PDB file of all heavy atoms in Angstrom:
ATOM      1  N   SER A   1     170.961  71.171 -42.480  1.00  0.00           N
ATOM      2  CA  SER A   1     170.112  72.180 -41.904  1.00  0.00           C
ATOM      3  C   SER A   1     168.903  71.487 -41.201  1.00  0.00           C
ATOM      4  O   SER A   1     168.283  70.530 -41.667  1.00  0.00           O
ATOM      5  CB  SER A   1     169.522  73.088 -42.906  1.00  0.00           C
ATOM      6  OG  SER A   1     168.704  72.465 -43.856  1.00  0.00           O
ATOM      7  N   LEU A   2     168.624  71.996 -40.060  1.00  0.00           N
ATOM      8  CA  LEU A   2     167.479  71.495 -39.248  1.00  0.00           C
ATOM      9  C   LEU A   2     166.551  72.716 -39.038  1.00  0.00           C
ATOM     10  O   LEU A   2     166.997  73.743 -38.478  1.00  0.00           O
ATOM     11  CB  LEU A   2     167.994  70.951 -37.899  1.00  0.00           C
ATOM     12  CG  LEU A   2     168.883  69.751 -37.945  1.00  0.00           C
ATOM     13  CD1 LEU A   2     169.478  69.494 -36.596  1.00  0.00           C
ATOM     14  CD2 LEU A   2     168.166  68.462 -38.408  1.00  0.00           C
ATOM     15  N   THR A   3     165.311  72.567 -39.430  1.00  0.00           N
ATOM     16  CA  THR A   3     164.376  73.631 -39.478  1.00  0.00           C
ATOM     17  C   THR A   3     163.137  73.204 -38.683  1.00  0.00           C
ATOM     18  O   THR A   3     162.580  72.176 -38.777  1.00  0.00           O
ATOM     19  CB  THR A   3     163.889  73.952 -40.834  1.00  0.00           C
ATOM     20  OG1 THR A   3     165.045  74.300 -41.631  1.00  0.00           O
ATOM     21  CG2 THR A   3     162.989  75.183 -40.814  1.00  0.00           C
ATOM     22  N   ARG A   4     162.763  74.140 -37.715  1.00  0.00           N
ATOM     23  CA  ARG A   4     161.430  73.946 -37.032  1.00  0.00           C
ATOM     24  C   ARG A   4     160.526  75.018 -37.415  1.00  0.00           C
ATOM     25  O   ARG A   4     160.871  76.246 -37.200  1.00  0.00           O
ATOM     26  CB  ARG A   4     161.723  73.895 -35.510  1.00  0.00           C
ATOM     27  CG  ARG A   4     160.431  73.847 -34.730  1.00  0.00           C
ATOM     28  CD  ARG A   4     160.768  73.537 -33.252  1.00  0.00           C
ATOM     29  NE  ARG A   4     161.469  74.681 -32.678  1.00  0.00           N
ATOM     30  CZ  ARG A   4     162.059  74.705 -31.413  1.00  0.00           C
ATOM     31  NH1 ARG A   4     161.801  73.665 -30.621  1.00  0.00           N
ATOM     32  NH2 ARG A   4     162.568  75.701 -30.952  1.00  0.00           N
ATOM     33  N   SER A   5     159.362  74.725 -37.851  1.00  0.00           N
ATOM     34  CA  SER A   5     158.394  75.739 -38.366  1.00  0.00           C
ATOM     35  C   SER A   5     157.028  75.426 -37.826  1.00  0.00           C
ATOM     36  O   SER A   5     156.349  74.468 -38.354  1.00  0.00           O
ATOM     37  CB  SER A   5     158.422  75.812 -39.864  1.00  0.00           C
ATOM     38  OG  SER A   5     157.388  76.636 -40.287  1.00  0.00           O
ATOM     39  N   GLU A   6     156.445  76.090 -36.845  1.00  0.00           N
ATOM     40  CA  GLU A   6     155.144  75.889 -36.365  1.00  0.00           C
ATOM     41  C   GLU A   6     154.705  77.087 -35.442  1.00  0.00           C
ATOM     42  O   GLU A   6     155.563  77.683 -34.834  1.00  0.00           O
ATOM     43  CB  GLU A   6     154.918  74.607 -35.659  1.00  0.00           C
ATOM     44  CG  GLU A   6     155.829  74.390 -34.379  1.00  0.00           C
ATOM     45  CD  GLU A   6     155.608  73.092 -33.795  1.00  0.00           C
ATOM     46  OE1 GLU A   6     154.607  72.431 -34.094  1.00  0.00           O
ATOM     47  OE2 GLU A   6     156.393  72.756 -32.866  1.00  0.00           O
ATOM     48  N   THR A   7     153.464  77.418 -35.366  1.00  0.00           N
ATOM     49  CA  THR A   7     152.928  78.397 -34.468  1.00  0.00           C
ATOM     50  C   THR A   7     152.950  77.867 -33.086  1.00  0.00           C
ATOM     51  O   THR A   7     153.088  76.660 -32.797  1.00  0.00           O
ATOM     52  CB  THR A   7     151.521  78.810 -34.886  1.00  0.00           C
ATOM     53  OG1 THR A   7     150.642  77.633 -34.681  1.00  0.00           O
ATOM     54  CG2 THR A   7     151.419  79.263 -36.189  1.00  0.00           C
ATOM     55  N   THR A   8     153.055  78.822 -32.143  1.00  0.00           N
ATOM     56  CA  THR A   8     152.999  78.509 -30.722  1.00  0.00           C
ATOM     57  C   THR A   8     151.635  77.547 -30.439  1.00  0.00           C
ATOM     58  O   THR A   8     151.813  76.621 -29.651  1.00  0.00           O
ATOM     59  CB  THR A   8     152.984  79.726 -29.803  1.00  0.00           C
ATOM     60  OG1 THR A   8     154.115  80.460 -30.175  1.00  0.00           O
ATOM     61  CG2 THR A   8     152.973  79.317 -28.370  1.00  0.00           C
ATOM     62  N   GLU A   9     150.560  77.979 -30.964  1.00  0.00           N
ATOM     63  CA  GLU A   9     149.326  77.220 -30.718  1.00  0.00           C
ATOM     64  C   GLU A   9     149.472  75.775 -31.215  1.00  0.00           C
ATOM     65  O   GLU A   9     149.044  74.817 -30.570  1.00  0.00           O
ATOM     66  CB  GLU A   9     148.152  77.896 -31.439  1.00  0.00           C
ATOM     67  CG  GLU A   9     147.747  79.241 -30.785  1.00  0.00           C
ATOM     68  CD  GLU A   9     148.739  80.360 -31.341  1.00  0.00           C
ATOM     69  OE1 GLU A   9     149.551  80.148 -32.169  1.00  0.00           O
ATOM     70  OE2 GLU A   9     148.611  81.510 -30.780  1.00  0.00           O
ATOM     71  N   ARG A  10     150.063  75.641 -32.484  1.00  0.00           N
ATOM     72  CA  ARG A  10     150.238  74.258 -33.001  1.00  0.00           C
ATOM     73  C   ARG A  10     151.083  73.414 -32.124  1.00  0.00           C
ATOM     74  O   ARG A  10     150.902  72.211 -31.895  1.00  0.00           O
ATOM     75  CB  ARG A  10     150.663  74.345 -34.438  1.00  0.00           C
ATOM     76  CG  ARG A  10     150.809  72.957 -35.054  1.00  0.00           C
ATOM     77  CD  ARG A  10     151.322  73.130 -36.551  1.00  0.00           C
ATOM     78  NE  ARG A  10     151.584  71.862 -37.141  1.00  0.00           N
ATOM     79  CZ  ARG A  10     152.107  71.694 -38.307  1.00  0.00           C
ATOM     80  NH1 ARG A  10     152.430  72.738 -39.040  1.00  0.00           N
ATOM     81  NH2 ARG A  10     152.333  70.524 -38.836  1.00  0.00           N
ATOM     82  N   ARG A  11     152.192  74.050 -31.729  1.00  0.00           N
ATOM     83  CA  ARG A  11     153.164  73.350 -30.882  1.00  0.00           C
ATOM     84  C   ARG A  11     152.577  72.820 -29.607  1.00  0.00           C
ATOM     85  O   ARG A  11     152.697  71.785 -29.128  1.00  0.00           O
ATOM     86  CB  ARG A  11     154.380  74.240 -30.568  1.00  0.00           C
ATOM     87  CG  ARG A  11     155.398  73.531 -29.667  1.00  0.00           C
ATOM     88  CD  ARG A  11     156.604  74.448 -29.382  1.00  0.00           C
ATOM     89  NE  ARG A  11     156.226  75.730 -28.875  1.00  0.00           N
ATOM     90  CZ  ARG A  11     155.943  75.903 -27.550  1.00  0.00           C
ATOM     91  NH1 ARG A  11     155.916  74.918 -26.751  1.00  0.00           N
ATOM     92  NH2 ARG A  11     155.596  77.139 -27.146  1.00  0.00           N
ATOM     93  N   GLN A  12     151.762  73.752 -28.960  1.00  0.00           N
ATOM     94  CA  GLN A  12     151.091  73.403 -27.693  1.00  0.00           C
ATOM     95  C   GLN A  12     150.145  72.318 -27.851  1.00  0.00           C
ATOM     96  O   GLN A  12     150.079  71.350 -26.996  1.00  0.00           O
ATOM     97  CB  GLN A  12     150.474  74.578 -27.047  1.00  0.00           C
ATOM     98  CG  GLN A  12     151.453  75.649 -26.606  1.00  0.00           C
ATOM     99  CD  GLN A  12     150.783  77.003 -26.106  1.00  0.00           C
ATOM    100  OE1 GLN A  12     149.627  77.236 -26.517  1.00  0.00           O
ATOM    101  NE2 GLN A  12     151.537  77.804 -25.372  1.00  0.00           N
ATOM    102  N   ALA A  13     149.332  72.304 -29.018  1.00  0.00           N
ATOM    103  CA  ALA A  13     148.384  71.294 -29.244  1.00  0.00           C
ATOM    104  C   ALA A  13     149.055  69.896 -29.461  1.00  0.00           C
ATOM    105  O   ALA A  13     148.667  68.864 -28.967  1.00  0.00           O
ATOM    106  CB  ALA A  13     147.499  71.650 -30.459  1.00  0.00           C
ATOM    107  N   ARG A  14     150.186  69.980 -30.255  1.00  0.00           N
ATOM    108  CA  ARG A  14     150.929  68.788 -30.478  1.00  0.00           C
ATOM    109  C   ARG A  14     151.443  68.137 -29.224  1.00  0.00           C
ATOM    110  O   ARG A  14     151.440  66.955 -29.064  1.00  0.00           O
ATOM    111  CB  ARG A  14     152.159  69.027 -31.551  1.00  0.00           C
ATOM    112  CG  ARG A  14     152.923  67.776 -31.827  1.00  0.00           C
ATOM    113  CD  ARG A  14     153.985  68.157 -32.891  1.00  0.00           C
ATOM    114  NE  ARG A  14     154.760  69.332 -32.685  1.00  0.00           N
ATOM    115  CZ  ARG A  14     155.692  69.299 -31.707  1.00  0.00           C
ATOM    116  NH1 ARG A  14     156.046  68.243 -31.051  1.00  0.00           N
ATOM    117  NH2 ARG A  14     156.406  70.501 -31.570  1.00  0.00           N
ATOM    118  N   GLU A  15     152.008  68.970 -28.377  1.00  0.00           N
ATOM    119  CA  GLU A  15     152.645  68.460 -27.176  1.00  0.00           C
ATOM    120  C   GLU A  15     151.537  67.903 -26.235  1.00  0.00           C
ATOM    121  O   GLU A  15     151.771  66.863 -25.558  1.00  0.00           O
ATOM    122  CB  GLU A  15     153.384  69.604 -26.424  1.00  0.00           C
ATOM    123  CG  GLU A  15     154.642  70.103 -27.123  1.00  0.00           C
ATOM    124  CD  GLU A  15     155.177  71.308 -26.505  1.00  0.00           C
ATOM    125  OE1 GLU A  15     154.609  71.856 -25.627  1.00  0.00           O
ATOM    126  OE2 GLU A  15     156.430  71.653 -26.868  1.00  0.00           O
ATOM    127  N   LYS A  16     150.354  68.562 -26.260  1.00  0.00           N
ATOM    128  CA  LYS A  16     149.219  68.073 -25.420  1.00  0.00           C
ATOM    129  C   LYS A  16     148.712  66.649 -25.810  1.00  0.00           C
ATOM    130  O   LYS A  16     148.432  65.803 -25.041  1.00  0.00           O
ATOM    131  CB  LYS A  16     148.077  69.091 -25.471  1.00  0.00           C
ATOM    132  CG  LYS A  16     146.889  68.662 -24.591  1.00  0.00           C
ATOM    133  CD  LYS A  16     145.806  69.727 -24.697  1.00  0.00           C
ATOM    134  CE  LYS A  16     144.629  69.370 -23.839  1.00  0.00           C
ATOM    135  NZ  LYS A  16     143.573  70.420 -23.920  1.00  0.00           N
ATOM    136  N   ASN A  17     148.706  66.432 -27.180  1.00  0.00           N
ATOM    137  CA  ASN A  17     148.124  65.169 -27.753  1.00  0.00           C
ATOM    138  C   ASN A  17     149.241  64.109 -27.850  1.00  0.00           C
ATOM    139  O   ASN A  17     148.860  62.950 -28.106  1.00  0.00           O
ATOM    140  CB  ASN A  17     147.558  65.462 -29.089  1.00  0.00           C
ATOM    141  CG  ASN A  17     146.424  66.347 -29.016  1.00  0.00           C
ATOM    142  OD1 ASN A  17     145.685  66.423 -27.996  1.00  0.00           O
ATOM    143  ND2 ASN A  17     146.183  67.210 -30.033  1.00  0.00           N
ATOM    144  N   SER A  18     150.518  64.425 -27.649  1.00  0.00           N
ATOM    145  CA  SER A  18     151.601  63.517 -27.874  1.00  0.00           C
ATOM    146  C   SER A  18     151.819  62.732 -26.494  1.00  0.00           C
ATOM    147  O   SER A  18     151.812  63.344 -25.451  1.00  0.00           O
ATOM    148  CB  SER A  18     152.865  64.210 -28.248  1.00  0.00           C
ATOM    149  OG  SER A  18     153.866  63.279 -28.427  1.00  0.00           O
ATOM    150  N   ARG A  19     152.009  61.437 -26.601  1.00  0.00           N
ATOM    151  CA  ARG A  19     152.324  60.635 -25.480  1.00  0.00           C
ATOM    152  C   ARG A  19     153.814  60.572 -25.204  1.00  0.00           C
ATOM    153  O   ARG A  19     154.286  60.164 -24.191  1.00  0.00           O
ATOM    154  CB  ARG A  19     151.831  59.196 -25.704  1.00  0.00           C
ATOM    155  CG  ARG A  19     150.306  59.094 -25.879  1.00  0.00           C
ATOM    156  CD  ARG A  19     149.842  57.667 -26.005  1.00  0.00           C
ATOM    157  NE  ARG A  19     148.417  57.552 -26.114  1.00  0.00           N
ATOM    158  CZ  ARG A  19     147.810  56.448 -26.347  1.00  0.00           C
ATOM    159  NH1 ARG A  19     148.454  55.303 -26.449  1.00  0.00           N
ATOM    160  NH2 ARG A  19     146.434  56.449 -26.455  1.00  0.00           N
ATOM    161  N   GLN A  20     154.682  61.094 -26.230  1.00  0.00           N
ATOM    162  CA  GLN A  20     156.097  61.094 -26.089  1.00  0.00           C
ATOM    163  C   GLN A  20     156.519  62.395 -25.674  1.00  0.00           C
ATOM    164  O   GLN A  20     156.006  63.492 -26.187  1.00  0.00           O
ATOM    165  CB  GLN A  20     156.676  60.597 -27.412  1.00  0.00           C
ATOM    166  CG  GLN A  20     156.367  59.235 -27.901  1.00  0.00           C
ATOM    167  CD  GLN A  20     156.836  58.151 -26.919  1.00  0.00           C
ATOM    168  OE1 GLN A  20     157.922  58.254 -26.326  1.00  0.00           O
ATOM    169  NE2 GLN A  20     156.052  57.061 -26.867  1.00  0.00           N
ATOM    170  N   PRO A  21     157.602  62.577 -24.877  1.00  0.00           N
ATOM    171  CA  PRO A  21     158.094  63.860 -24.603  1.00  0.00           C
ATOM    172  C   PRO A  21     158.718  64.555 -25.808  1.00  0.00           C
ATOM    173  O   PRO A  21     159.224  63.882 -26.783  1.00  0.00           O
ATOM    174  CB  PRO A  21     159.206  63.562 -23.614  1.00  0.00           C
ATOM    175  CG  PRO A  21     159.572  62.106 -23.872  1.00  0.00           C
ATOM    176  CD  PRO A  21     158.272  61.459 -24.222  1.00  0.00           C
ATOM    177  N   THR A  22     158.467  65.880 -25.926  1.00  0.00           N
ATOM    178  CA  THR A  22     158.935  66.575 -27.131  1.00  0.00           C
ATOM    179  C   THR A  22     160.456  66.840 -27.073  1.00  0.00           C
ATOM    180  O   THR A  22     161.011  67.258 -26.009  1.00  0.00           O
ATOM    181  CB  THR A  22     158.201  67.845 -27.150  1.00  0.00           C
ATOM    182  OG1 THR A  22     156.780  67.653 -27.296  1.00  0.00           O
ATOM    183  CG2 THR A  22     158.606  68.669 -28.410  1.00  0.00           C
ATOM    184  N   MET A  23     161.182  66.505 -28.105  1.00  0.00           N
ATOM    185  CA  MET A  23     162.577  66.770 -28.113  1.00  0.00           C
ATOM    186  C   MET A  23     162.915  68.217 -28.440  1.00  0.00           C
ATOM    187  O   MET A  23     162.274  68.838 -29.280  1.00  0.00           O
ATOM    188  CB  MET A  23     163.172  65.921 -29.308  1.00  0.00           C
ATOM    189  CG  MET A  23     164.728  66.175 -29.531  1.00  0.00           C
ATOM    190  SD  MET A  23     165.464  65.086 -30.807  1.00  0.00           S
ATOM    191  CE  MET A  23     165.482  63.547 -29.984  1.00  0.00           C
ATOM    192  N   SER A  24     163.752  68.789 -27.584  1.00  0.00           N
ATOM    193  CA  SER A  24     164.120  70.181 -27.796  1.00  0.00           C
ATOM    194  C   SER A  24     165.099  70.272 -29.020  1.00  0.00           C
ATOM    195  O   SER A  24     165.702  69.320 -29.436  1.00  0.00           O
ATOM    196  CB  SER A  24     164.825  70.671 -26.584  1.00  0.00           C
ATOM    197  OG  SER A  24     166.074  70.124 -26.355  1.00  0.00           O
ATOM    198  N   PHE A  25     165.163  71.443 -29.493  1.00  0.00           N
ATOM    199  CA  PHE A  25     166.125  71.768 -30.648  1.00  0.00           C
ATOM    200  C   PHE A  25     167.550  71.441 -30.223  1.00  0.00           C
ATOM    201  O   PHE A  25     168.295  70.874 -30.954  1.00  0.00           O
ATOM    202  CB  PHE A  25     165.928  73.179 -31.060  1.00  0.00           C
ATOM    203  CG  PHE A  25     166.045  73.355 -32.590  1.00  0.00           C
ATOM    204  CD1 PHE A  25     165.368  74.353 -33.275  1.00  0.00           C
ATOM    205  CD2 PHE A  25     166.882  72.570 -33.354  1.00  0.00           C
ATOM    206  CE1 PHE A  25     165.449  74.510 -34.617  1.00  0.00           C
ATOM    207  CE2 PHE A  25     167.110  72.749 -34.743  1.00  0.00           C
ATOM    208  CZ  PHE A  25     166.357  73.647 -35.319  1.00  0.00           C
ATOM    209  N   ASP A  26     167.959  71.848 -28.989  1.00  0.00           N
ATOM    210  CA  ASP A  26     169.302  71.644 -28.567  1.00  0.00           C
ATOM    211  C   ASP A  26     169.578  70.098 -28.490  1.00  0.00           C
ATOM    212  O   ASP A  26     170.739  69.733 -28.819  1.00  0.00           O
ATOM    213  CB  ASP A  26     169.440  72.294 -27.265  1.00  0.00           C
ATOM    214  CG  ASP A  26     169.568  73.727 -27.280  1.00  0.00           C
ATOM    215  OD1 ASP A  26     169.785  74.277 -28.362  1.00  0.00           O
ATOM    216  OD2 ASP A  26     169.278  74.395 -26.239  1.00  0.00           O
ATOM    217  N   ASP A  27     168.618  69.286 -27.959  1.00  0.00           N
ATOM    218  CA  ASP A  27     168.736  67.861 -27.913  1.00  0.00           C
ATOM    219  C   ASP A  27     169.000  67.262 -29.280  1.00  0.00           C
ATOM    220  O   ASP A  27     169.780  66.329 -29.505  1.00  0.00           O
ATOM    221  CB  ASP A  27     167.644  67.217 -27.188  1.00  0.00           C
ATOM    222  CG  ASP A  27     167.624  67.562 -25.641  1.00  0.00           C
ATOM    223  OD1 ASP A  27     168.648  67.967 -25.157  1.00  0.00           O
ATOM    224  OD2 ASP A  27     166.503  67.430 -25.010  1.00  0.00           O
ATOM    225  N   LEU A  28     168.126  67.754 -30.210  1.00  0.00           N
ATOM    226  CA  LEU A  28     168.227  67.250 -31.561  1.00  0.00           C
ATOM    227  C   LEU A  28     169.576  67.518 -32.220  1.00  0.00           C
ATOM    228  O   LEU A  28     170.225  66.692 -32.816  1.00  0.00           O
ATOM    229  CB  LEU A  28     167.125  67.834 -32.446  1.00  0.00           C
ATOM    230  CG  LEU A  28     167.078  67.343 -33.882  1.00  0.00           C
ATOM    231  CD1 LEU A  28     166.833  65.874 -34.004  1.00  0.00           C
ATOM    232  CD2 LEU A  28     165.970  68.084 -34.714  1.00  0.00           C
ATOM    233  N   MET A  29     170.069  68.731 -32.023  1.00  0.00           N
ATOM    234  CA  MET A  29     171.315  69.221 -32.583  1.00  0.00           C
ATOM    235  C   MET A  29     172.381  68.275 -31.993  1.00  0.00           C
ATOM    236  O   MET A  29     173.392  67.763 -32.706  1.00  0.00           O
ATOM    237  CB  MET A  29     171.619  70.681 -32.182  1.00  0.00           C
ATOM    238  CG  MET A  29     170.864  71.614 -33.044  1.00  0.00           C
ATOM    239  SD  MET A  29     171.577  71.866 -34.663  1.00  0.00           S
ATOM    240  CE  MET A  29     173.150  72.734 -34.252  1.00  0.00           C
ATOM    241  N   ASN A  30     172.402  68.058 -30.735  1.00  0.00           N
ATOM    242  CA  ASN A  30     173.465  67.257 -30.026  1.00  0.00           C
ATOM    243  C   ASN A  30     173.386  65.818 -30.635  1.00  0.00           C
ATOM    244  O   ASN A  30     174.416  65.253 -30.899  1.00  0.00           O
ATOM    245  CB  ASN A  30     173.293  67.216 -28.585  1.00  0.00           C
ATOM    246  CG  ASN A  30     173.574  68.630 -27.931  1.00  0.00           C
ATOM    247  OD1 ASN A  30     174.387  69.351 -28.517  1.00  0.00           O
ATOM    248  ND2 ASN A  30     173.036  68.904 -26.851  1.00  0.00           N
ATOM    249  N   ASP A  31     172.255  65.287 -30.790  1.00  0.00           N
ATOM    250  CA  ASP A  31     172.173  63.854 -31.283  1.00  0.00           C
ATOM    251  C   ASP A  31     172.650  63.762 -32.696  1.00  0.00           C
ATOM    252  O   ASP A  31     173.307  62.811 -33.113  1.00  0.00           O
ATOM    253  CB  ASP A  31     170.672  63.393 -31.217  1.00  0.00           C
ATOM    254  CG  ASP A  31     170.233  63.077 -29.803  1.00  0.00           C
ATOM    255  OD1 ASP A  31     171.144  63.047 -28.913  1.00  0.00           O
ATOM    256  OD2 ASP A  31     169.040  62.979 -29.556  1.00  0.00           O
ATOM    257  N   VAL A  32     172.305  64.769 -33.559  1.00  0.00           N
ATOM    258  CA  VAL A  32     172.823  64.741 -34.963  1.00  0.00           C
ATOM    259  C   VAL A  32     174.315  64.865 -34.905  1.00  0.00           C
ATOM    260  O   VAL A  32     175.051  64.084 -35.698  1.00  0.00           O
ATOM    261  CB  VAL A  32     172.157  65.890 -35.786  1.00  0.00           C
ATOM    262  CG1 VAL A  32     172.865  66.062 -37.098  1.00  0.00           C
ATOM    263  CG2 VAL A  32     170.667  65.641 -35.940  1.00  0.00           C
TER     264      VAL A  32
END
């Protein structure tokens, strides 16, 4: 099982502060 749990605000803040591109759920599923 792969679970993603976060509010929209938290996700936006994480993406803003991250230097790495955010992996989408579909990309993660395909890689697994």
